[in-house]
C-alpha cells in the first residue's frame, strides 16, 4: 500500500545522514527508497558504490573539521 502512495503522490524524502554540508543521504518516509545528492546536486539512487563514496567523504570531512577546530586547553 505504501508503494502505491509514492506512485500516486511521489516520494516524501527526509534526511537520514548528513555526509558534508552539501551532500546528504535521504530516505522516503513511505517506501524506504534511499537516494543521495550527486555531483551536480540532483538526487541519485543510493547504490553500494555511492554509499562507499559517501562514507569516504564523511571521513575526510570529519577529519578536516577536527583539524581546523581550535584545541581546548584545560
N, C-alpha and C. Protein backbone atom coordinates (compact mmCIF):
# COMPACT_ATOMS: atom_id res chain seq x y z
N UNK A 1 0.83 -1.20 0.00
CA UNK A 1 0.00 0.00 0.00
C UNK A 1 0.87 1.27 0.00
N UNK A 2 1.98 1.21 0.74
CA UNK A 2 2.84 2.39 0.83
C UNK A 2 3.48 2.72 -0.51
N UNK A 3 3.82 1.69 -1.30
CA UNK A 3 4.42 1.93 -2.61
C UNK A 3 3.41 2.59 -3.54
N UNK A 4 2.15 2.28 -3.38
CA UNK A 4 1.12 2.91 -4.21
C UNK A 4 1.01 4.40 -3.89
N UNK A 5 1.19 4.75 -2.63
CA UNK A 5 1.16 6.15 -2.23
C UNK A 5 2.26 6.92 -2.96
N UNK A 6 3.45 6.35 -3.01
CA UNK A 6 4.56 7.01 -3.70
C UNK A 6 4.32 7.08 -5.19
N UNK A 7 3.68 6.06 -5.75
CA UNK A 7 3.37 6.06 -7.17
C UNK A 7 2.39 7.18 -7.51
N UNK A 8 1.42 7.40 -6.66
CA UNK A 8 0.40 8.41 -6.92
C UNK A 8 0.87 9.83 -6.60
N UNK A 9 1.50 10.00 -5.46
CA UNK A 9 1.82 11.34 -4.98
C UNK A 9 3.31 11.69 -5.00
N UNK A 10 4.18 10.72 -5.27
CA UNK A 10 5.61 10.96 -5.27
C UNK A 10 6.20 10.64 -3.90
N UNK A 11 7.50 10.58 -3.87
CA UNK A 11 8.20 10.23 -2.63
C UNK A 11 8.25 11.44 -1.68
N UNK A 12 8.30 11.15 -0.40
CA UNK A 12 8.47 12.17 0.63
C UNK A 12 9.79 11.86 1.33
N UNK A 13 10.87 12.49 0.85
CA UNK A 13 12.20 12.21 1.36
C UNK A 13 12.51 13.02 2.61
N UNK A 14 13.19 12.37 3.54
CA UNK A 14 13.70 13.06 4.72
C UNK A 14 15.19 12.73 4.84
N UNK A 15 15.96 13.65 5.40
CA UNK A 15 17.40 13.47 5.53
C UNK A 15 17.68 12.39 6.57
N UNK A 16 18.47 11.38 6.18
CA UNK A 16 18.84 10.33 7.12
C UNK A 16 20.29 10.46 7.56
N UNK A 17 21.13 11.08 6.70
CA UNK A 17 22.54 11.22 7.05
C UNK A 17 23.10 12.45 6.36
N UNK A 18 23.79 13.27 7.11
CA UNK A 18 24.44 14.46 6.56
C UNK A 18 25.92 14.11 6.35
N UNK A 19 26.30 13.88 5.09
CA UNK A 19 27.66 13.47 4.77
C UNK A 19 28.60 14.67 4.87
N UNK A 20 28.30 15.73 4.15
CA UNK A 20 29.02 17.00 4.23
C UNK A 20 27.97 18.09 4.27
N UNK A 21 28.40 19.34 4.19
CA UNK A 21 27.44 20.43 4.23
C UNK A 21 26.56 20.48 2.98
N UNK A 22 27.02 19.87 1.89
CA UNK A 22 26.24 19.93 0.66
C UNK A 22 25.86 18.55 0.11
N UNK A 23 26.28 17.48 0.73
CA UNK A 23 25.90 16.12 0.32
C UNK A 23 25.18 15.45 1.48
N UNK A 24 23.99 14.94 1.18
CA UNK A 24 23.17 14.30 2.19
C UNK A 24 22.59 13.01 1.62
N UNK A 25 22.22 12.10 2.51
CA UNK A 25 21.51 10.89 2.12
C UNK A 25 20.07 11.04 2.60
N UNK A 26 19.13 10.62 1.75
CA UNK A 26 17.71 10.75 2.04
C UNK A 26 17.04 9.39 1.97
N UNK A 27 15.93 9.25 2.68
CA UNK A 27 15.13 8.05 2.63
C UNK A 27 13.67 8.45 2.55
N UNK A 28 12.89 7.73 1.73
CA UNK A 28 11.46 8.02 1.62
C UNK A 28 10.75 7.54 2.89
N UNK A 29 9.91 8.38 3.42
CA UNK A 29 9.19 8.07 4.65
C UNK A 29 8.23 6.90 4.44
N UNK A 30 7.67 6.79 3.25
CA UNK A 30 6.63 5.80 2.99
C UNK A 30 7.17 4.45 2.52
N UNK A 31 8.06 4.44 1.51
CA UNK A 31 8.50 3.17 0.93
C UNK A 31 9.93 2.80 1.29
N UNK A 32 10.72 3.72 1.85
CA UNK A 32 12.08 3.42 2.26
C UNK A 32 13.12 3.54 1.17
N UNK A 33 12.76 4.04 0.00
CA UNK A 33 13.73 4.22 -1.09
C UNK A 33 14.81 5.19 -0.64
N UNK A 34 16.10 4.83 -0.90
CA UNK A 34 17.21 5.66 -0.46
C UNK A 34 17.86 6.33 -1.66
N UNK A 35 18.13 7.63 -1.53
CA UNK A 35 18.79 8.41 -2.57
C UNK A 35 19.84 9.30 -1.92
N UNK A 36 20.71 9.85 -2.74
CA UNK A 36 21.73 10.78 -2.28
C UNK A 36 21.91 11.85 -3.33
N UNK A 37 22.53 12.96 -2.94
CA UNK A 37 22.81 14.00 -3.91
C UNK A 37 24.08 13.63 -4.66
N UNK A 38 24.09 13.91 -5.97
CA UNK A 38 25.27 13.61 -6.77
C UNK A 38 26.10 14.87 -6.97
N UNK A 39 27.06 14.81 -7.87
CA UNK A 39 28.00 15.91 -8.10
C UNK A 39 27.27 17.19 -8.51
N UNK A 40 26.24 17.06 -9.33
CA UNK A 40 25.52 18.25 -9.82
C UNK A 40 24.38 18.67 -8.91
N UNK A 41 24.18 17.99 -7.78
CA UNK A 41 23.15 18.38 -6.83
C UNK A 41 21.82 17.70 -7.04
N UNK A 42 21.73 16.79 -8.01
CA UNK A 42 20.49 16.05 -8.26
C UNK A 42 20.44 14.81 -7.38
N UNK A 43 19.23 14.28 -7.18
CA UNK A 43 19.08 13.06 -6.39
C UNK A 43 19.37 11.85 -7.26
N UNK A 44 20.19 10.94 -6.74
CA UNK A 44 20.54 9.70 -7.42
C UNK A 44 20.23 8.54 -6.51
N UNK A 45 19.87 7.40 -7.09
CA UNK A 45 19.62 6.20 -6.32
C UNK A 45 20.88 5.82 -5.56
N UNK A 46 20.75 5.50 -4.30
CA UNK A 46 21.90 5.19 -3.44
C UNK A 46 22.35 3.75 -3.70
N UNK A 47 23.40 3.61 -4.49
CA UNK A 47 23.98 2.30 -4.79
C UNK A 47 25.08 2.00 -3.78
N UNK A 48 25.52 0.74 -3.69
CA UNK A 48 26.62 0.43 -2.77
C UNK A 48 27.88 1.24 -3.07
N UNK A 49 28.14 1.51 -4.35
CA UNK A 49 29.31 2.31 -4.72
C UNK A 49 29.18 3.75 -4.20
N UNK A 50 28.00 4.36 -4.37
CA UNK A 50 27.78 5.72 -3.87
C UNK A 50 27.80 5.77 -2.35
N UNK A 51 27.30 4.71 -1.70
CA UNK A 51 27.33 4.64 -0.24
C UNK A 51 28.77 4.62 0.26
N UNK A 52 29.63 3.88 -0.41
CA UNK A 52 31.04 3.82 -0.04
C UNK A 52 31.72 5.17 -0.27
N UNK A 53 31.40 5.83 -1.37
CA UNK A 53 31.95 7.15 -1.65
C UNK A 53 31.52 8.14 -0.57
N UNK A 54 30.24 8.09 -0.18
CA UNK A 54 29.74 8.99 0.86
C UNK A 54 30.43 8.74 2.19
N UNK A 55 30.69 7.48 2.53
CA UNK A 55 31.38 7.17 3.78
C UNK A 55 32.80 7.73 3.77
N UNK A 56 33.47 7.63 2.62
CA UNK A 56 34.82 8.17 2.50
C UNK A 56 34.82 9.69 2.61
N UNK A 57 33.86 10.34 1.93
CA UNK A 57 33.74 11.79 2.00
C UNK A 57 33.45 12.25 3.43
N UNK A 58 32.60 11.52 4.13
CA UNK A 58 32.27 11.87 5.51
C UNK A 58 33.52 11.75 6.40
N UNK A 59 34.31 10.71 6.20
CA UNK A 59 35.53 10.52 6.98
C UNK A 59 36.50 11.67 6.73
N UNK A 60 36.71 12.03 5.46
CA UNK A 60 37.63 13.12 5.12
C UNK A 60 37.13 14.43 5.69
N UNK A 61 35.83 14.69 5.57
CA UNK A 61 35.24 15.94 6.07
C UNK A 61 35.35 16.03 7.58
N UNK A 62 35.09 14.93 8.29
CA UNK A 62 35.18 14.92 9.74
C UNK A 62 36.62 15.16 10.19
N UNK A 63 37.58 14.55 9.49
CA UNK A 63 38.99 14.72 9.81
C UNK A 63 39.41 16.17 9.59
N UNK A 64 38.94 16.77 8.51
CA UNK A 64 39.25 18.16 8.20
C UNK A 64 38.67 19.10 9.25
N UNK A 65 37.44 18.86 9.66
CA UNK A 65 36.80 19.72 10.66
C UNK A 65 37.48 19.59 12.02
N UNK A 66 37.89 18.38 12.39
CA UNK A 66 38.58 18.18 13.66
C UNK A 66 39.94 18.87 13.68
N UNK A 67 40.62 18.89 12.56
CA UNK A 67 41.93 19.51 12.46
C UNK A 67 41.81 21.03 12.53
N UNK A 68 40.76 21.59 11.93
CA UNK A 68 40.61 23.04 11.89
C UNK A 68 39.96 23.60 13.16
N UNK A 69 39.39 22.74 13.99
CA UNK A 69 38.75 23.21 15.22
C UNK A 69 39.83 23.63 16.21
N UNK A 70 39.59 24.72 16.93
CA UNK A 70 40.58 25.16 17.91
C UNK A 70 40.68 24.16 19.05
N UNK A 71 41.89 23.92 19.50
CA UNK A 71 42.14 22.97 20.57
C UNK A 71 41.85 23.61 21.92
N UNK A 72 41.06 22.96 22.74
CA UNK A 72 40.72 23.43 24.08
C UNK A 72 41.81 22.99 25.06
N UNK A 73 42.39 23.91 25.77
CA UNK A 73 43.40 23.59 26.77
C UNK A 73 42.78 23.77 28.14
N UNK A 74 42.87 22.71 28.96
CA UNK A 74 42.23 22.76 30.28
C UNK A 74 43.17 23.26 31.34
